Amino acid sequence: MNTRLHTVLALTAIGLSTVFCHNAKACGIGDATAAGPVPLLPAGLSNAMAANAAKVSLQQLVPGMTNPLQELEPITGLYRFTFTAKGDPGIRDGTVLDQGFATWHADGTELMNSGRAPMTQSFCMGAWTRTGPQTYRLNHWALGWDPTGKTFIGPTNIREYITLDRSGNSYFGNFTLTQYSPDGKTAEGGVKGLVSATRVTADGD
């Protein structure tokens, strides 16, 4: 769990403990004189209302968001992605390079199921960080094998720089892919292009 998530949960817990403990002496809150405890909430504000008030929500920023983790990190979720060539001298622009599914987790990690043949390594993983209100940077690694699945080609690094759509249901941006030799240090080549993705929901396709 990343630092931002820890902070939000801690602040939420503090807010809720203040609500539930304002009449309890054991909480160490309030005036111990005969006048009684100092009110911490307006009269008539129920615990349920206070909990809702303490809840960290980005629903006004990203409409339709219902997953609590997605509220903390809007990119969180499952996406259907497409890589297309753009600006690479060796590949015609618009050529589809890969398609598959990617899951962005609220803890700052990511998992991709590529459209590549499984024996060449279709699963790969990454780590991401938010760079702005709706922008993200992803550092993603895969282990490449030849078409027979017997010879290790080397690690593959993919860097993505994306923007999450205002709706929170799609993202787009640029990517660069670098293929390394088995030593993990010598760059053997690479491609670059565009990445686009649409969110997969529990009720959608």
N, C-alpha and C. Protein backbone atom coordinates (compact mmCIF):
# COMPACT_ATOMS: atom_id res chain seq x y z
N MET A 1 0.85 -1.19 0.00
CA MET A 1 0.00 0.00 0.00
C MET A 1 0.88 1.24 0.00
N ASN A 2 0.62 2.19 -0.89
CA ASN A 2 1.52 3.32 -0.99
C ASN A 2 1.26 4.35 0.11
N THR A 3 2.17 5.32 0.21
CA THR A 3 2.11 6.30 1.30
C THR A 3 0.83 7.11 1.24
N ARG A 4 0.42 7.50 0.01
CA ARG A 4 -0.80 8.31 -0.12
C ARG A 4 -2.02 7.57 0.39
N LEU A 5 -2.11 6.27 0.08
CA LEU A 5 -3.24 5.47 0.54
C LEU A 5 -3.22 5.33 2.05
N HIS A 6 -2.03 5.10 2.63
CA HIS A 6 -1.90 5.02 4.09
C HIS A 6 -2.40 6.31 4.74
N THR A 7 -2.00 7.45 4.17
CA THR A 7 -2.35 8.74 4.75
C THR A 7 -3.85 8.96 4.74
N VAL A 8 -4.48 8.66 3.58
CA VAL A 8 -5.93 8.86 3.47
C VAL A 8 -6.68 7.99 4.46
N LEU A 9 -6.28 6.71 4.54
CA LEU A 9 -6.97 5.81 5.47
C LEU A 9 -6.77 6.23 6.91
N ALA A 10 -5.57 6.72 7.22
CA ALA A 10 -5.30 7.16 8.59
C ALA A 10 -6.15 8.37 8.94
N LEU A 11 -6.25 9.33 8.04
CA LEU A 11 -7.05 10.52 8.30
C LEU A 11 -8.52 10.16 8.43
N THR A 12 -8.99 9.22 7.59
CA THR A 12 -10.38 8.78 7.67
C THR A 12 -10.64 8.12 9.02
N ALA A 13 -9.70 7.27 9.46
CA ALA A 13 -9.86 6.59 10.75
C ALA A 13 -9.91 7.59 11.90
N ILE A 14 -9.06 8.64 11.83
CA ILE A 14 -9.06 9.67 12.87
C ILE A 14 -10.39 10.38 12.92
N GLY A 15 -10.92 10.70 11.73
CA GLY A 15 -12.21 11.40 11.67
C GLY A 15 -13.33 10.56 12.26
N LEU A 16 -13.35 9.26 11.93
CA LEU A 16 -14.40 8.39 12.43
C LEU A 16 -14.25 8.15 13.93
N SER A 17 -13.00 8.02 14.41
CA SER A 17 -12.81 7.80 15.85
C SER A 17 -13.26 9.01 16.64
N THR A 18 -13.08 10.20 16.07
CA THR A 18 -13.55 11.42 16.72
C THR A 18 -15.05 11.41 16.85
N VAL A 19 -15.74 10.94 15.78
CA VAL A 19 -17.20 10.90 15.79
C VAL A 19 -17.71 9.92 16.83
N PHE A 20 -17.16 8.71 16.85
CA PHE A 20 -17.69 7.65 17.70
C PHE A 20 -17.28 7.80 19.16
N CYS A 21 -16.24 8.56 19.45
CA CYS A 21 -15.72 8.62 20.81
C CYS A 21 -16.01 9.93 21.52
N HIS A 22 -16.79 10.83 20.92
CA HIS A 22 -16.90 12.15 21.53
C HIS A 22 -17.64 12.14 22.86
N ASN A 23 -18.37 11.05 23.17
CA ASN A 23 -19.06 10.96 24.46
C ASN A 23 -18.40 9.95 25.40
N ALA A 24 -17.26 9.38 25.01
CA ALA A 24 -16.61 8.36 25.83
C ALA A 24 -15.39 8.94 26.52
N LYS A 25 -15.34 8.82 27.86
CA LYS A 25 -14.22 9.37 28.62
C LYS A 25 -12.91 8.67 28.25
N ALA A 26 -13.01 7.38 27.89
CA ALA A 26 -11.80 6.63 27.58
C ALA A 26 -11.07 7.17 26.38
N CYS A 27 -11.78 7.93 25.54
CA CYS A 27 -11.14 8.46 24.34
C CYS A 27 -10.28 9.67 24.65
N GLY A 28 -10.42 10.22 25.84
CA GLY A 28 -9.62 11.38 26.19
C GLY A 28 -10.04 12.63 25.46
N ILE A 29 -11.30 12.69 25.04
CA ILE A 29 -11.79 13.84 24.29
C ILE A 29 -12.90 14.51 25.08
N GLY A 30 -12.89 15.82 25.13
CA GLY A 30 -13.97 16.54 25.79
C GLY A 30 -13.55 17.07 27.14
N ASP A 31 -14.39 17.93 27.70
CA ASP A 31 -14.14 18.59 28.97
C ASP A 31 -14.62 17.69 30.09
N ALA A 32 -13.78 17.41 31.07
CA ALA A 32 -14.14 16.50 32.16
C ALA A 32 -14.87 17.22 33.29
N THR A 33 -15.22 18.49 33.11
CA THR A 33 -15.94 19.23 34.14
C THR A 33 -17.40 18.85 34.14
N ALA A 34 -18.13 19.41 35.11
CA ALA A 34 -19.55 19.11 35.22
C ALA A 34 -20.33 19.55 34.00
N ALA A 35 -19.76 20.46 33.22
CA ALA A 35 -20.46 20.94 32.03
C ALA A 35 -20.59 19.87 30.98
N GLY A 36 -19.83 18.77 31.13
CA GLY A 36 -19.94 17.68 30.17
C GLY A 36 -18.96 17.86 29.01
N PRO A 37 -18.96 16.88 28.10
CA PRO A 37 -18.02 16.92 26.98
C PRO A 37 -18.30 18.06 26.02
N VAL A 38 -17.26 18.53 25.40
CA VAL A 38 -17.41 19.59 24.40
C VAL A 38 -17.95 18.97 23.12
N PRO A 39 -19.08 19.47 22.60
CA PRO A 39 -19.64 18.91 21.36
C PRO A 39 -18.64 19.04 20.22
N LEU A 40 -18.46 17.95 19.46
CA LEU A 40 -17.55 17.97 18.32
C LEU A 40 -18.31 18.01 17.00
N LEU A 41 -19.63 17.75 17.05
CA LEU A 41 -20.44 17.75 15.85
C LEU A 41 -21.70 18.58 16.08
N PRO A 42 -22.25 19.18 15.03
CA PRO A 42 -23.51 19.89 15.18
C PRO A 42 -24.59 18.96 15.69
N ALA A 43 -25.49 19.49 16.49
CA ALA A 43 -26.57 18.68 17.04
C ALA A 43 -27.37 18.04 15.93
N GLY A 44 -27.70 16.78 16.10
CA GLY A 44 -28.54 16.08 15.13
C GLY A 44 -27.77 15.41 14.01
N LEU A 45 -26.46 15.60 13.96
CA LEU A 45 -25.68 14.96 12.91
C LEU A 45 -25.44 13.50 13.30
N SER A 46 -25.99 12.59 12.57
CA SER A 46 -25.90 11.17 12.93
C SER A 46 -24.53 10.61 12.60
N ASN A 47 -24.24 9.46 13.22
CA ASN A 47 -22.97 8.79 12.94
C ASN A 47 -22.84 8.44 11.47
N ALA A 48 -23.94 8.01 10.86
CA ALA A 48 -23.90 7.64 9.44
C ALA A 48 -23.55 8.85 8.59
N MET A 49 -24.14 10.00 8.91
CA MET A 49 -23.86 11.21 8.15
C MET A 49 -22.41 11.63 8.36
N ALA A 50 -21.92 11.48 9.58
CA ALA A 50 -20.54 11.85 9.87
C ALA A 50 -19.57 10.95 9.12
N ALA A 51 -19.90 9.65 9.04
CA ALA A 51 -19.04 8.73 8.31
C ALA A 51 -18.99 9.10 6.84
N ASN A 52 -20.13 9.47 6.28
CA ASN A 52 -20.16 9.89 4.89
C ASN A 52 -19.34 11.15 4.68
N ALA A 53 -19.39 12.05 5.66
CA ALA A 53 -18.64 13.30 5.55
C ALA A 53 -17.15 13.04 5.63
N ALA A 54 -16.75 12.01 6.40
CA ALA A 54 -15.34 11.70 6.56
C ALA A 54 -14.78 10.91 5.40
N LYS A 55 -15.65 10.32 4.60
CA LYS A 55 -15.21 9.48 3.49
C LYS A 55 -14.52 10.30 2.42
N VAL A 56 -13.36 9.86 2.00
CA VAL A 56 -12.64 10.53 0.93
C VAL A 56 -13.28 10.12 -0.38
N SER A 57 -13.79 11.10 -1.15
CA SER A 57 -14.51 10.78 -2.37
C SER A 57 -14.08 11.66 -3.51
N LEU A 58 -13.90 11.03 -4.68
CA LEU A 58 -13.57 11.76 -5.90
C LEU A 58 -14.72 11.64 -6.91
N GLN A 59 -15.90 11.27 -6.42
CA GLN A 59 -17.01 11.05 -7.33
C GLN A 59 -17.38 12.31 -8.10
N GLN A 60 -17.19 13.48 -7.47
CA GLN A 60 -17.50 14.71 -8.17
C GLN A 60 -16.47 14.99 -9.26
N LEU A 61 -15.25 14.46 -9.08
CA LEU A 61 -14.21 14.66 -10.09
C LEU A 61 -14.31 13.63 -11.20
N VAL A 62 -14.64 12.40 -10.86
CA VAL A 62 -14.78 11.33 -11.83
C VAL A 62 -16.16 10.70 -11.67
N PRO A 63 -17.17 11.17 -12.41
CA PRO A 63 -18.54 10.70 -12.25
C PRO A 63 -18.65 9.19 -12.45
N GLY A 64 -19.57 8.57 -11.71
CA GLY A 64 -19.84 7.16 -11.87
C GLY A 64 -18.91 6.24 -11.12
N MET A 65 -17.98 6.77 -10.36
CA MET A 65 -17.01 5.95 -9.66
C MET A 65 -17.67 5.34 -8.41
N THR A 66 -17.58 4.01 -8.27
CA THR A 66 -18.23 3.34 -7.15
C THR A 66 -17.27 2.51 -6.31
N ASN A 67 -16.13 2.10 -6.85
CA ASN A 67 -15.17 1.28 -6.12
C ASN A 67 -14.38 2.16 -5.16
N PRO A 68 -14.35 1.85 -3.85
CA PRO A 68 -13.62 2.69 -2.89
C PRO A 68 -12.15 2.89 -3.25
N LEU A 69 -11.49 1.83 -3.72
CA LEU A 69 -10.09 1.97 -4.10
C LEU A 69 -9.94 2.87 -5.32
N GLN A 70 -10.92 2.79 -6.21
CA GLN A 70 -10.89 3.66 -7.39
C GLN A 70 -11.07 5.11 -6.99
N GLU A 71 -11.80 5.34 -5.89
CA GLU A 71 -11.97 6.70 -5.41
C GLU A 71 -10.64 7.26 -4.90
N LEU A 72 -9.82 6.39 -4.31
CA LEU A 72 -8.52 6.83 -3.82
C LEU A 72 -7.53 7.02 -4.96
N GLU A 73 -7.55 6.11 -5.93
CA GLU A 73 -6.68 6.19 -7.10
C GLU A 73 -7.54 5.93 -8.34
N PRO A 74 -7.93 6.98 -9.07
CA PRO A 74 -8.89 6.83 -10.18
C PRO A 74 -8.47 5.86 -11.27
N ILE A 75 -7.17 5.61 -11.45
CA ILE A 75 -6.72 4.70 -12.50
C ILE A 75 -7.02 3.24 -12.17
N THR A 76 -7.30 2.94 -10.89
CA THR A 76 -7.52 1.57 -10.45
C THR A 76 -8.60 0.87 -11.29
N GLY A 77 -8.27 -0.34 -11.76
CA GLY A 77 -9.27 -1.11 -12.50
C GLY A 77 -8.68 -1.95 -13.61
N LEU A 78 -9.57 -2.60 -14.36
CA LEU A 78 -9.21 -3.48 -15.46
C LEU A 78 -9.50 -2.77 -16.78
N TYR A 79 -8.54 -2.86 -17.72
CA TYR A 79 -8.67 -2.18 -19.01
C TYR A 79 -8.34 -3.12 -20.16
N ARG A 80 -9.00 -2.88 -21.30
CA ARG A 80 -8.64 -3.54 -22.55
C ARG A 80 -7.77 -2.55 -23.32
N PHE A 81 -6.52 -2.92 -23.62
CA PHE A 81 -5.58 -1.96 -24.20
C PHE A 81 -5.18 -2.34 -25.62
N THR A 82 -4.66 -1.35 -26.34
CA THR A 82 -4.11 -1.55 -27.69
C THR A 82 -2.86 -0.71 -27.84
N PHE A 83 -1.78 -1.32 -28.33
CA PHE A 83 -0.57 -0.62 -28.71
C PHE A 83 -0.56 -0.48 -30.23
N THR A 84 -0.34 0.73 -30.73
CA THR A 84 -0.21 0.95 -32.17
C THR A 84 1.07 1.73 -32.45
N ALA A 85 1.68 1.44 -33.59
CA ALA A 85 2.93 2.12 -33.96
C ALA A 85 2.66 3.58 -34.33
N LYS A 86 3.57 4.45 -33.92
CA LYS A 86 3.47 5.87 -34.26
C LYS A 86 4.86 6.50 -34.16
N GLY A 87 5.35 7.01 -35.30
CA GLY A 87 6.64 7.68 -35.29
C GLY A 87 7.84 6.77 -35.27
N ASP A 88 7.63 5.48 -35.50
CA ASP A 88 8.75 4.54 -35.55
C ASP A 88 9.17 4.36 -37.01
N PRO A 89 10.42 4.64 -37.34
CA PRO A 89 10.84 4.58 -38.75
C PRO A 89 10.73 3.21 -39.38
N GLY A 90 10.73 2.14 -38.58
CA GLY A 90 10.71 0.80 -39.15
C GLY A 90 9.33 0.18 -39.26
N ILE A 91 8.30 0.85 -38.74
CA ILE A 91 6.95 0.27 -38.73
C ILE A 91 5.95 1.32 -39.21
N ARG A 92 5.04 0.93 -40.05
CA ARG A 92 4.04 1.86 -40.57
C ARG A 92 3.13 2.35 -39.45
N ASP A 93 2.89 3.66 -39.39
CA ASP A 93 2.00 4.23 -38.38
C ASP A 93 0.63 3.57 -38.43
N GLY A 94 0.08 3.28 -37.26
CA GLY A 94 -1.23 2.68 -37.18
C GLY A 94 -1.22 1.16 -37.09
N THR A 95 -0.03 0.55 -37.28
CA THR A 95 0.07 -0.90 -37.18
C THR A 95 -0.18 -1.34 -35.73
N VAL A 96 -1.10 -2.28 -35.54
CA VAL A 96 -1.39 -2.78 -34.20
C VAL A 96 -0.25 -3.69 -33.77
N LEU A 97 0.39 -3.36 -32.66
CA LEU A 97 1.54 -4.11 -32.16
C LEU A 97 1.15 -5.12 -31.09
N ASP A 98 0.15 -4.81 -30.31
CA ASP A 98 -0.26 -5.72 -29.24
C ASP A 98 -1.63 -5.28 -28.74
N GLN A 99 -2.38 -6.24 -28.24
CA GLN A 99 -3.66 -6.00 -27.60
C GLN A 99 -3.81 -6.99 -26.46
N GLY A 100 -4.54 -6.58 -25.42
CA GLY A 100 -4.74 -7.47 -24.29
C GLY A 100 -5.45 -6.76 -23.16
N PHE A 101 -5.15 -7.17 -21.93
CA PHE A 101 -5.79 -6.62 -20.75
C PHE A 101 -4.74 -6.19 -19.73
N ALA A 102 -5.00 -5.08 -19.07
CA ALA A 102 -4.09 -4.58 -18.04
C ALA A 102 -4.89 -4.19 -16.80
N THR A 103 -4.37 -4.55 -15.64
CA THR A 103 -5.00 -4.19 -14.37
C THR A 103 -4.09 -3.24 -13.62
N TRP A 104 -4.62 -2.07 -13.27
CA TRP A 104 -3.88 -1.08 -12.47
C TRP A 104 -4.39 -1.17 -11.04
N HIS A 105 -3.47 -1.47 -10.10
CA HIS A 105 -3.85 -1.63 -8.70
C HIS A 105 -3.62 -0.33 -7.93
N ALA A 106 -4.41 -0.14 -6.88
CA ALA A 106 -4.32 1.09 -6.08
C ALA A 106 -3.01 1.21 -5.31
N ASP A 107 -2.26 0.10 -5.17
CA ASP A 107 -1.00 0.17 -4.43
C ASP A 107 0.17 0.60 -5.31
N GLY A 108 -0.09 0.95 -6.58
CA GLY A 108 0.96 1.43 -7.45
C GLY A 108 1.61 0.36 -8.31
N THR A 109 0.99 -0.82 -8.39
CA THR A 109 1.50 -1.87 -9.26
C THR A 109 0.51 -2.13 -10.40
N GLU A 110 0.99 -2.83 -11.41
CA GLU A 110 0.17 -3.08 -12.61
C GLU A 110 0.48 -4.46 -13.14
N LEU A 111 -0.52 -5.12 -13.73
CA LEU A 111 -0.35 -6.46 -14.30
C LEU A 111 -0.97 -6.46 -15.70
N MET A 112 -0.21 -6.99 -16.67
CA MET A 112 -0.70 -7.02 -18.05
C MET A 112 -0.75 -8.46 -18.56
N ASN A 113 -1.83 -8.78 -19.28
CA ASN A 113 -1.95 -10.03 -20.02
C ASN A 113 -1.90 -9.65 -21.49
N SER A 114 -0.73 -9.81 -22.10
CA SER A 114 -0.50 -9.42 -23.48
C SER A 114 -1.15 -10.40 -24.44
N GLY A 115 -1.30 -9.96 -25.69
CA GLY A 115 -1.83 -10.84 -26.72
C GLY A 115 -0.78 -11.76 -27.31
N ARG A 116 0.45 -11.70 -26.80
CA ARG A 116 1.52 -12.56 -27.29
C ARG A 116 1.26 -14.02 -26.93
N ALA A 117 1.88 -14.90 -27.69
CA ALA A 117 1.75 -16.33 -27.39
C ALA A 117 2.31 -16.61 -25.99
N PRO A 118 1.60 -17.39 -25.17
CA PRO A 118 2.04 -17.64 -23.79
C PRO A 118 3.46 -18.15 -23.67
N MET A 119 3.92 -18.97 -24.61
CA MET A 119 5.28 -19.51 -24.50
C MET A 119 6.35 -18.45 -24.71
N THR A 120 5.96 -17.28 -25.24
CA THR A 120 6.92 -16.18 -25.39
C THR A 120 6.83 -15.20 -24.24
N GLN A 121 6.00 -15.48 -23.27
CA GLN A 121 5.76 -14.70 -22.05
C GLN A 121 4.71 -13.63 -22.27
N SER A 122 3.47 -13.97 -21.96
CA SER A 122 2.36 -13.05 -22.18
C SER A 122 2.03 -12.21 -20.96
N PHE A 123 2.46 -12.68 -19.75
CA PHE A 123 2.18 -11.92 -18.54
C PHE A 123 3.41 -11.09 -18.16
N CYS A 124 3.16 -9.86 -17.75
CA CYS A 124 4.25 -8.98 -17.33
C CYS A 124 3.71 -7.99 -16.30
N MET A 125 4.62 -7.32 -15.61
CA MET A 125 4.22 -6.50 -14.46
C MET A 125 4.91 -5.15 -14.47
N GLY A 126 4.29 -4.18 -13.79
CA GLY A 126 4.88 -2.85 -13.75
C GLY A 126 4.57 -2.11 -12.46
N ALA A 127 5.17 -0.96 -12.35
CA ALA A 127 4.92 -0.05 -11.21
C ALA A 127 4.62 1.33 -11.78
N TRP A 128 3.64 2.01 -11.19
CA TRP A 128 3.24 3.31 -11.73
C TRP A 128 3.23 4.37 -10.64
N THR A 129 3.24 5.62 -11.10
CA THR A 129 3.09 6.75 -10.20
C THR A 129 2.23 7.80 -10.88
N ARG A 130 1.51 8.55 -10.08
CA ARG A 130 0.70 9.64 -10.64
C ARG A 130 1.59 10.86 -10.81
N THR A 131 1.51 11.49 -11.98
CA THR A 131 2.33 12.67 -12.26
C THR A 131 1.51 13.95 -12.31
N GLY A 132 0.19 13.84 -12.23
CA GLY A 132 -0.70 15.00 -12.26
C GLY A 132 -2.10 14.56 -11.90
N PRO A 133 -3.09 15.46 -11.93
CA PRO A 133 -4.46 15.11 -11.56
C PRO A 133 -5.01 13.91 -12.34
N GLN A 134 -4.69 13.81 -13.64
CA GLN A 134 -5.20 12.72 -14.46
C GLN A 134 -4.08 12.05 -15.27
N THR A 135 -2.82 12.27 -14.92
CA THR A 135 -1.71 11.72 -15.70
C THR A 135 -0.88 10.75 -14.87
N TYR A 136 -0.31 9.74 -15.56
CA TYR A 136 0.42 8.67 -14.89
C TYR A 136 1.64 8.26 -15.71
N ARG A 137 2.63 7.72 -15.01
CA ARG A 137 3.82 7.16 -15.65
C ARG A 137 3.97 5.71 -15.20
N LEU A 138 4.20 4.81 -16.16
CA LEU A 138 4.29 3.38 -15.88
C LEU A 138 5.65 2.84 -16.31
N ASN A 139 6.28 2.07 -15.43
CA ASN A 139 7.53 1.37 -15.72
C ASN A 139 7.21 -0.12 -15.68
N HIS A 140 7.27 -0.76 -16.85
CA HIS A 140 6.71 -2.10 -17.01
C HIS A 140 7.77 -3.06 -17.54
N TRP A 141 7.83 -4.27 -16.98
CA TRP A 141 8.84 -5.25 -17.39
C TRP A 141 8.22 -6.59 -17.77
N ALA A 142 8.81 -7.18 -18.81
CA ALA A 142 8.42 -8.52 -19.24
C ALA A 142 9.69 -9.34 -19.47
N LEU A 143 9.54 -10.66 -19.53
CA LEU A 143 10.65 -11.55 -19.85
C LEU A 143 10.35 -12.20 -21.20
N GLY A 144 11.22 -11.92 -22.19
CA GLY A 144 10.94 -12.38 -23.55
C GLY A 144 11.63 -13.70 -23.89
N TRP A 145 10.89 -14.54 -24.62
CA TRP A 145 11.41 -15.82 -25.10
C TRP A 145 11.17 -15.94 -26.60
N ASP A 146 11.94 -16.79 -27.25
CA ASP A 146 11.76 -16.97 -28.70
C ASP A 146 10.47 -17.73 -28.97
N PRO A 147 10.05 -17.86 -30.24
CA PRO A 147 8.77 -18.52 -30.55
C PRO A 147 8.65 -19.95 -30.07
N THR A 148 9.78 -20.61 -29.81
CA THR A 148 9.72 -21.99 -29.31
C THR A 148 9.50 -22.03 -27.80
N GLY A 149 9.73 -20.92 -27.12
CA GLY A 149 9.60 -20.87 -25.68
C GLY A 149 10.77 -21.53 -24.96
N LYS A 150 11.86 -21.79 -25.67
CA LYS A 150 13.01 -22.48 -25.08
C LYS A 150 14.23 -21.60 -24.91
N THR A 151 14.31 -20.52 -25.69
CA THR A 151 15.49 -19.66 -25.64
C THR A 151 15.10 -18.30 -25.06
N PHE A 152 15.77 -17.92 -23.99
CA PHE A 152 15.50 -16.64 -23.35
C PHE A 152 16.12 -15.52 -24.17
N ILE A 153 15.30 -14.58 -24.61
CA ILE A 153 15.78 -13.45 -25.40
C ILE A 153 16.32 -12.35 -24.51
N GLY A 154 15.61 -12.11 -23.41
CA GLY A 154 16.02 -11.06 -22.49
C GLY A 154 14.83 -10.28 -21.97
N PRO A 155 15.05 -9.42 -21.00
CA PRO A 155 13.95 -8.61 -20.45
C PRO A 155 13.52 -7.51 -21.43
N THR A 156 12.25 -7.20 -21.37
CA THR A 156 11.68 -6.14 -22.21
C THR A 156 11.11 -5.07 -21.30
N ASN A 157 11.48 -3.83 -21.56
CA ASN A 157 10.98 -2.71 -20.76
C ASN A 157 10.01 -1.86 -21.57
N ILE A 158 8.85 -1.57 -20.98
CA ILE A 158 7.86 -0.70 -21.61
C ILE A 158 7.63 0.48 -20.68
N ARG A 159 7.74 1.67 -21.22
CA ARG A 159 7.44 2.90 -20.47
C ARG A 159 6.20 3.53 -21.08
N GLU A 160 5.20 3.81 -20.24
CA GLU A 160 3.98 4.46 -20.71
C GLU A 160 3.81 5.80 -20.00
N TYR A 161 3.30 6.78 -20.74
CA TYR A 161 2.99 8.10 -20.21
C TYR A 161 1.56 8.40 -20.66
N ILE A 162 0.62 8.28 -19.73
CA ILE A 162 -0.79 8.29 -20.12
C ILE A 162 -1.59 9.37 -19.39
N THR A 163 -2.76 9.65 -19.98
CA THR A 163 -3.73 10.56 -19.38
C THR A 163 -5.06 9.83 -19.23
N LEU A 164 -5.59 9.81 -18.02
CA LEU A 164 -6.90 9.20 -17.77
C LEU A 164 -7.98 10.17 -18.21
N ASP A 165 -8.94 9.67 -19.00
CA ASP A 165 -10.03 10.50 -19.48
C ASP A 165 -10.84 11.06 -18.31
N ARG A 166 -11.47 12.20 -18.54
CA ARG A 166 -12.28 12.85 -17.50
C ARG A 166 -13.35 11.91 -16.94
N SER A 167 -13.87 11.01 -17.77
CA SER A 167 -14.89 10.08 -17.30
C SER A 167 -14.31 8.99 -16.42
N GLY A 168 -12.99 8.78 -16.49
CA GLY A 168 -12.35 7.70 -15.73
C GLY A 168 -12.48 6.35 -16.39
N ASN A 169 -13.03 6.30 -17.60
CA ASN A 169 -13.30 5.02 -18.25
C ASN A 169 -12.35 4.69 -19.40
N SER A 170 -11.38 5.53 -19.66
CA SER A 170 -10.42 5.25 -20.72
C SER A 170 -9.15 6.05 -20.48
N TYR A 171 -8.06 5.62 -21.11
CA TYR A 171 -6.83 6.40 -21.06
C TYR A 171 -6.11 6.30 -22.39
N PHE A 172 -5.20 7.23 -22.61
CA PHE A 172 -4.45 7.26 -23.86
C PHE A 172 -3.09 7.88 -23.57
N GLY A 173 -2.13 7.63 -24.46
CA GLY A 173 -0.81 8.22 -24.27
C GLY A 173 0.22 7.60 -25.19
N ASN A 174 1.48 7.72 -24.78
CA ASN A 174 2.60 7.22 -25.57
C ASN A 174 3.30 6.08 -24.84
N PHE A 175 3.97 5.24 -25.62
CA PHE A 175 4.79 4.20 -25.01
C PHE A 175 6.08 4.03 -25.80
N THR A 176 7.09 3.55 -25.11
CA THR A 176 8.34 3.12 -25.75
C THR A 176 8.66 1.73 -25.23
N LEU A 177 9.09 0.86 -26.13
CA LEU A 177 9.44 -0.51 -25.77
C LEU A 177 10.90 -0.73 -26.12
N THR A 178 11.67 -1.21 -25.16
CA THR A 178 13.09 -1.50 -25.37
C THR A 178 13.36 -2.96 -25.05
N GLN A 179 13.94 -3.66 -26.02
CA GLN A 179 14.30 -5.06 -25.82
C GLN A 179 15.77 -5.14 -25.43
N TYR A 180 16.05 -5.82 -24.32
CA TYR A 180 17.42 -5.99 -23.84
C TYR A 180 17.89 -7.42 -24.09
N SER A 181 19.19 -7.57 -24.15
CA SER A 181 19.79 -8.89 -24.27
C SER A 181 19.65 -9.61 -22.93
N PRO A 182 19.98 -10.90 -22.88
CA PRO A 182 19.82 -11.65 -21.62
C PRO A 182 20.56 -11.06 -20.42
N ASP A 183 21.61 -10.24 -20.67
CA ASP A 183 22.31 -9.64 -19.54
C ASP A 183 21.51 -8.53 -18.88
N GLY A 184 20.40 -8.12 -19.52
CA GLY A 184 19.53 -7.09 -18.95
C GLY A 184 20.08 -5.68 -19.06
N LYS A 185 21.20 -5.50 -19.77
CA LYS A 185 21.84 -4.19 -19.85
C LYS A 185 22.01 -3.67 -21.28
N THR A 186 22.22 -4.58 -22.20
CA THR A 186 22.48 -4.20 -23.59
C THR A 186 21.17 -4.08 -24.37
N ALA A 187 20.86 -2.88 -24.86
CA ALA A 187 19.64 -2.67 -25.63
C ALA A 187 19.82 -3.23 -27.03
N GLU A 188 18.90 -4.08 -27.44
CA GLU A 188 18.97 -4.71 -28.76
C GLU A 188 18.08 -4.03 -29.78
N GLY A 189 17.20 -3.17 -29.35
CA GLY A 189 16.27 -2.49 -30.26
C GLY A 189 14.98 -2.16 -29.54
N GLY A 190 14.04 -1.61 -30.27
CA GLY A 190 12.78 -1.26 -29.65
C GLY A 190 11.82 -0.62 -30.62
N VAL A 191 10.64 -0.30 -30.13
CA VAL A 191 9.61 0.36 -30.93
C VAL A 191 8.95 1.43 -30.06
N LYS A 192 8.22 2.32 -30.71
CA LYS A 192 7.46 3.32 -29.97
C LYS A 192 6.13 3.55 -30.65
N GLY A 193 5.20 4.11 -29.90
CA GLY A 193 3.88 4.33 -30.49
C GLY A 193 2.89 4.87 -29.48
N LEU A 194 1.63 4.57 -29.72
CA LEU A 194 0.53 5.07 -28.90
C LEU A 194 -0.14 3.92 -28.16
N VAL A 195 -0.62 4.21 -26.97
CA VAL A 195 -1.39 3.24 -26.20
C VAL A 195 -2.76 3.85 -25.92
N SER A 196 -3.79 3.05 -26.08
CA SER A 196 -5.15 3.47 -25.73
C SER A 196 -5.82 2.31 -25.01
N ALA A 197 -6.75 2.63 -24.12
CA ALA A 197 -7.39 1.57 -23.34
C ALA A 197 -8.76 2.02 -22.89
N THR A 198 -9.66 1.07 -22.73
CA THR A 198 -11.00 1.33 -22.21
C THR A 198 -11.25 0.44 -21.01
N ARG A 199 -11.94 0.98 -20.03
CA ARG A 199 -12.19 0.25 -18.79
C ARG A 199 -13.18 -0.90 -19.00
N VAL A 200 -12.89 -2.02 -18.36
CA VAL A 200 -13.80 -3.16 -18.32
C VAL A 200 -14.51 -3.13 -16.98
N THR A 201 -15.83 -3.10 -16.99
CA THR A 201 -16.61 -2.99 -15.76
C THR A 201 -17.36 -4.30 -15.47
N ALA A 202 -17.88 -4.40 -14.27
CA ALA A 202 -18.60 -5.61 -13.87
C ALA A 202 -19.88 -5.79 -14.70
N ASP A 203 -20.46 -4.71 -15.18
CA ASP A 203 -21.70 -4.79 -15.93
C ASP A 203 -21.50 -4.57 -17.43
N GLY A 204 -20.25 -4.33 -17.84
CA GLY A 204 -20.02 -4.06 -19.25
C GLY A 204 -19.47 -5.26 -20.00
N ASP A 205 -18.91 -4.99 -21.19
CA ASP A 205 -18.36 -6.06 -22.03
C ASP A 205 -17.01 -6.52 -21.49
